[in-house]
Amino acid sequence: MGFSNYAGGFSDVSGSLTLDPKNPAASKLSVKIPVASVTTTSAKLTDELKGDQWLDAGKYPTMTFVSTKVAPAGKDHAKVTGDLTLHGVTKPVILDVTLVGAGANPLNKKYTVGFEATGTLKRSEFGVKTYVPLIGDELHLTIAGAFERQD
């Protein structure tokens, strides 16, 4: 329900990826997302989301995702299951991941691996219940990320 769909994003995301191209199932992913970095196209909505009725960035400053299983699903695709901690609640989430590309980054020459991922979650399952069901409960995730090899 609601009147419109909104897109938002997070910045200053950090994390690590351990990747074995010969054994993708052994890969490990860990990501930290600063909740206060949330942005939308509406300054008012952005401020609301940071507040205590929504994401409560003051009380829960960090979201985390830690993979628990990587299941290859064809060439350049995988289903990544992991524990998402949001708003003080940890629940499993499944992401459909696609390898975008890998190679030397033309800007810094470091070996870089890029991915895109999609998934869904119900915000109410993480304790973010404001205005459910008047405002949609299901969030559609679209994620883009790149990891540089650390020497």
C-alpha atoms as a PDB file:
ATOM      1  CA  MET A   1       0.000   0.000   0.000  1.00  0.00           C
ATOM      2  CA  GLY A   2       1.085   3.620   0.121  1.00  0.00           C
ATOM      3  CA  PHE A   3       1.038   6.160  -2.674  1.00  0.00           C
ATOM      4  CA  SER A   4       4.463   5.851  -4.229  1.00  0.00           C
ATOM      5  CA  ASN A   5       7.587   3.722  -4.354  1.00  0.00           C
ATOM      6  CA  TYR A   6      10.755   5.292  -3.003  1.00  0.00           C
ATOM      7  CA  ALA A   7      14.372   4.412  -3.626  1.00  0.00           C
ATOM      8  CA  GLY A   8      17.054   4.921  -1.048  1.00  0.00           C
ATOM      9  CA  GLY A   9      20.699   4.178  -0.634  1.00  0.00           C
ATOM     10  CA  PHE A  10      23.538   3.955   1.850  1.00  0.00           C
ATOM     11  CA  SER A  11      27.087   5.291   1.593  1.00  0.00           C
ATOM     12  CA  ASP A  12      30.377   4.619   3.371  1.00  0.00           C
ATOM     13  CA  VAL A  13      29.698   0.871   3.261  1.00  0.00           C
ATOM     14  CA  SER A  14      32.682  -1.289   4.177  1.00  0.00           C
ATOM     15  CA  GLY A  15      33.336  -4.982   4.090  1.00  0.00           C
ATOM     16  CA  SER A  16      35.465  -7.886   3.080  1.00  0.00           C
ATOM     17  CA  LEU A  17      35.175 -10.701   0.591  1.00  0.00           C
ATOM     18  CA  THR A  18      37.184 -13.901   0.605  1.00  0.00           C
ATOM     19  CA  LEU A  19      36.793 -15.406  -2.846  1.00  0.00           C
ATOM     20  CA  ASP A  20      38.162 -18.632  -4.289  1.00  0.00           C
ATOM     21  CA  PRO A  21      37.218 -18.743  -7.991  1.00  0.00           C
ATOM     22  CA  LYS A  22      37.948 -22.489  -8.051  1.00  0.00           C
ATOM     23  CA  ASN A  23      35.618 -23.081  -5.093  1.00  0.00           C
ATOM     24  CA  PRO A  24      32.988 -20.289  -4.979  1.00  0.00           C
ATOM     25  CA  ALA A  25      30.997 -22.154  -2.299  1.00  0.00           C
ATOM     26  CA  ALA A  26      33.849 -21.478   0.134  1.00  0.00           C
ATOM     27  CA  SER A  27      33.528 -17.701  -0.336  1.00  0.00           C
ATOM     28  CA  LYS A  28      32.859 -15.464   2.668  1.00  0.00           C
ATOM     29  CA  LEU A  29      31.321 -11.987   2.722  1.00  0.00           C
ATOM     30  CA  SER A  30      31.007  -9.506   5.571  1.00  0.00           C
ATOM     31  CA  VAL A  31      29.558  -5.999   5.179  1.00  0.00           C
ATOM     32  CA  LYS A  32      28.984  -3.062   7.562  1.00  0.00           C
ATOM     33  CA  ILE A  33      26.513  -0.336   6.636  1.00  0.00           C
ATOM     34  CA  PRO A  34      26.272   2.929   8.610  1.00  0.00           C
ATOM     35  CA  VAL A  35      22.551   3.491   9.138  1.00  0.00           C
ATOM     36  CA  ALA A  36      22.922   7.288   9.353  1.00  0.00           C
ATOM     37  CA  SER A  37      24.224   7.292   5.767  1.00  0.00           C
ATOM     38  CA  VAL A  38      20.756   6.491   4.388  1.00  0.00           C
ATOM     39  CA  THR A  39      19.597   8.900   1.686  1.00  0.00           C
ATOM     40  CA  THR A  40      16.490   9.264  -0.459  1.00  0.00           C
ATOM     41  CA  THR A  41      15.331  11.854  -2.972  1.00  0.00           C
ATOM     42  CA  SER A  42      13.341  13.526  -0.169  1.00  0.00           C
ATOM     43  CA  ALA A  43      15.256  15.279   2.622  1.00  0.00           C
ATOM     44  CA  LYS A  44      12.208  14.960   4.898  1.00  0.00           C
ATOM     45  CA  LEU A  45      11.922  11.209   4.278  1.00  0.00           C
ATOM     46  CA  THR A  46      15.664  10.764   4.804  1.00  0.00           C
ATOM     47  CA  ASP A  47      15.430  12.485   8.201  1.00  0.00           C
ATOM     48  CA  GLU A  48      12.369  10.381   9.119  1.00  0.00           C
ATOM     49  CA  LEU A  49      14.148   7.133   8.230  1.00  0.00           C
ATOM     50  CA  LYS A  50      17.063   7.991  10.519  1.00  0.00           C
ATOM     51  CA  GLY A  51      14.668   8.658  13.415  1.00  0.00           C
ATOM     52  CA  ASP A  52      13.490   6.391  16.213  1.00  0.00           C
ATOM     53  CA  GLN A  53      10.219   5.359  14.509  1.00  0.00           C
ATOM     54  CA  TRP A  54      12.130   3.842  11.587  1.00  0.00           C
ATOM     55  CA  LEU A  55      15.789   2.802  11.475  1.00  0.00           C
ATOM     56  CA  ASP A  56      16.745   4.607  14.710  1.00  0.00           C
ATOM     57  CA  ALA A  57      20.303   5.403  13.660  1.00  0.00           C
ATOM     58  CA  GLY A  58      21.085   6.743  17.137  1.00  0.00           C
ATOM     59  CA  LYS A  59      20.330   3.432  18.864  1.00  0.00           C
ATOM     60  CA  TYR A  60      21.287   1.081  15.995  1.00  0.00           C
ATOM     61  CA  PRO A  61      24.110   2.841  14.136  1.00  0.00           C
ATOM     62  CA  THR A  62      25.260  -0.124  12.053  1.00  0.00           C
ATOM     63  CA  MET A  63      23.618  -2.746   9.854  1.00  0.00           C
ATOM     64  CA  THR A  64      25.642  -5.871   9.106  1.00  0.00           C
ATOM     65  CA  PHE A  65      25.453  -8.754   6.669  1.00  0.00           C
ATOM     66  CA  VAL A  66      27.576 -11.872   7.164  1.00  0.00           C
ATOM     67  CA  SER A  67      27.314 -14.695   4.654  1.00  0.00           C
ATOM     68  CA  THR A  68      26.587 -18.197   5.928  1.00  0.00           C
ATOM     69  CA  LYS A  69      26.301 -20.032   2.593  1.00  0.00           C
ATOM     70  CA  VAL A  70      27.276 -19.400  -1.017  1.00  0.00           C
ATOM     71  CA  ALA A  71      25.553 -21.651  -3.552  1.00  0.00           C
ATOM     72  CA  PRO A  72      26.734 -21.314  -7.162  1.00  0.00           C
ATOM     73  CA  ALA A  73      23.731 -20.986  -9.501  1.00  0.00           C
ATOM     74  CA  GLY A  74      25.224 -21.121 -12.979  1.00  0.00           C
ATOM     75  CA  LYS A  75      27.967 -19.166 -14.700  1.00  0.00           C
ATOM     76  CA  ASP A  76      28.616 -15.892 -12.870  1.00  0.00           C
ATOM     77  CA  HIS A  77      25.608 -16.347 -10.533  1.00  0.00           C
ATOM     78  CA  ALA A  78      25.152 -17.464  -6.928  1.00  0.00           C
ATOM     79  CA  LYS A  79      22.611 -17.471  -4.134  1.00  0.00           C
ATOM     80  CA  VAL A  80      24.210 -16.004  -1.034  1.00  0.00           C
ATOM     81  CA  THR A  81      22.508 -16.669   2.281  1.00  0.00           C
ATOM     82  CA  GLY A  82      23.564 -14.588   5.229  1.00  0.00           C
ATOM     83  CA  ASP A  83      22.603 -13.083   8.540  1.00  0.00           C
ATOM     84  CA  LEU A  84      21.383  -9.492   8.264  1.00  0.00           C
ATOM     85  CA  THR A  85      21.350  -7.505  11.489  1.00  0.00           C
ATOM     86  CA  LEU A  86      19.062  -4.489  11.231  1.00  0.00           C
ATOM     87  CA  HIS A  87      17.440  -2.524  14.043  1.00  0.00           C
ATOM     88  CA  GLY A  88      18.945  -4.929  16.596  1.00  0.00           C
ATOM     89  CA  VAL A  89      17.374  -8.016  14.993  1.00  0.00           C
ATOM     90  CA  THR A  90      19.302 -10.709  13.110  1.00  0.00           C
ATOM     91  CA  LYS A  91      17.500 -12.759  10.445  1.00  0.00           C
ATOM     92  CA  PRO A  92      18.594 -14.789   7.420  1.00  0.00           C
ATOM     93  CA  VAL A  93      18.357 -13.112   4.013  1.00  0.00           C
ATOM     94  CA  ILE A  94      18.979 -14.665   0.589  1.00  0.00           C
ATOM     95  CA  LEU A  95      20.560 -12.574  -2.158  1.00  0.00           C
ATOM     96  CA  ASP A  96      20.720 -13.418  -5.855  1.00  0.00           C
ATOM     97  CA  VAL A  97      24.229 -12.361  -6.848  1.00  0.00           C
ATOM     98  CA  THR A  98      25.675 -11.779 -10.317  1.00  0.00           C
ATOM     99  CA  LEU A  99      29.341 -11.265 -11.123  1.00  0.00           C
ATOM    100  CA  VAL A 100      29.617  -8.064 -13.165  1.00  0.00           C
ATOM    101  CA  GLY A 101      33.311  -8.280 -13.923  1.00  0.00           C
ATOM    102  CA  ALA A 102      36.807  -8.812 -12.600  1.00  0.00           C
ATOM    103  CA  GLY A 103      40.201  -7.424 -13.541  1.00  0.00           C
ATOM    104  CA  ALA A 104      42.599  -4.554 -13.050  1.00  0.00           C
ATOM    105  CA  ASN A 105      40.768  -1.371 -12.097  1.00  0.00           C
ATOM    106  CA  PRO A 106      41.815   1.237 -14.693  1.00  0.00           C
ATOM    107  CA  LEU A 107      41.932   3.978 -12.040  1.00  0.00           C
ATOM    108  CA  ASN A 108      44.246   2.351  -9.499  1.00  0.00           C
ATOM    109  CA  LYS A 109      45.420  -0.849 -11.259  1.00  0.00           C
ATOM    110  CA  LYS A 110      44.252  -3.024  -8.317  1.00  0.00           C
ATOM    111  CA  TYR A 111      42.524  -6.308  -9.093  1.00  0.00           C
ATOM    112  CA  THR A 112      38.818  -5.633  -8.521  1.00  0.00           C
ATOM    113  CA  VAL A 113      35.737  -7.856  -8.529  1.00  0.00           C
ATOM    114  CA  GLY A 114      32.314  -6.274  -9.073  1.00  0.00           C
ATOM    115  CA  PHE A 115      28.927  -7.732  -8.183  1.00  0.00           C
ATOM    116  CA  GLU A 116      25.251  -6.882  -8.305  1.00  0.00           C
ATOM    117  CA  ALA A 117      22.701  -8.483  -5.996  1.00  0.00           C
ATOM    118  CA  THR A 118      18.959  -8.436  -5.443  1.00  0.00           C
ATOM    119  CA  GLY A 119      16.747  -9.671  -2.649  1.00  0.00           C
ATOM    120  CA  THR A 120      13.715  -8.873  -0.537  1.00  0.00           C
ATOM    121  CA  LEU A 121      12.960  -8.589   3.147  1.00  0.00           C
ATOM    122  CA  LYS A 122      10.037  -7.633   5.343  1.00  0.00           C
ATOM    123  CA  ARG A 123      10.982  -4.683   7.507  1.00  0.00           C
ATOM    124  CA  SER A 124       8.478  -5.707  10.189  1.00  0.00           C
ATOM    125  CA  GLU A 125      10.505  -8.886  10.786  1.00  0.00           C
ATOM    126  CA  PHE A 126      13.368  -6.619  11.869  1.00  0.00           C
ATOM    127  CA  GLY A 127      11.206  -4.578  14.246  1.00  0.00           C
ATOM    128  CA  VAL A 128      10.601  -1.682  11.823  1.00  0.00           C
ATOM    129  CA  LYS A 129       6.794  -1.746  11.917  1.00  0.00           C
ATOM    130  CA  THR A 130       5.898   1.932  11.513  1.00  0.00           C
ATOM    131  CA  TYR A 131       2.703   2.316   9.443  1.00  0.00           C
ATOM    132  CA  VAL A 132       2.524  -1.350   8.383  1.00  0.00           C
ATOM    133  CA  PRO A 133       0.306  -2.160   6.472  1.00  0.00           C
ATOM    134  CA  LEU A 134      -0.469   1.401   5.317  1.00  0.00           C
ATOM    135  CA  ILE A 135       3.075   1.651   3.970  1.00  0.00           C
ATOM    136  CA  GLY A 136       4.542  -1.450   2.338  1.00  0.00           C
ATOM    137  CA  ASP A 137       6.313  -3.982   4.496  1.00  0.00           C
ATOM    138  CA  GLU A 138       8.382  -5.625   1.765  1.00  0.00           C
ATOM    139  CA  LEU A 139      11.626  -3.938   0.764  1.00  0.00           C
ATOM    140  CA  HIS A 140      13.241  -4.760  -2.571  1.00  0.00           C
ATOM    141  CA  LEU A 141      17.009  -4.671  -2.328  1.00  0.00           C
ATOM    142  CA  THR A 142      19.282  -3.785  -5.234  1.00  0.00           C
ATOM    143  CA  ILE A 143      22.958  -3.841  -4.352  1.00  0.00           C
ATOM    144  CA  ALA A 144      26.064  -2.960  -6.341  1.00  0.00           C
ATOM    145  CA  GLY A 145      29.514  -3.469  -4.923  1.00  0.00           C
ATOM    146  CA  ALA A 146      33.152  -3.879  -5.797  1.00  0.00           C
ATOM    147  CA  PHE A 147      35.992  -5.408  -3.817  1.00  0.00           C
ATOM    148  CA  GLU A 148      39.689  -4.695  -4.342  1.00  0.00           C
ATOM    149  CA  ARG A 149      42.316  -7.346  -3.708  1.00  0.00           C
ATOM    150  CA  GLN A 150      44.239  -6.627  -0.526  1.00  0.00           C
ATOM    151  CA  ASP A 151      47.921  -7.507  -0.743  1.00  0.00           C
END
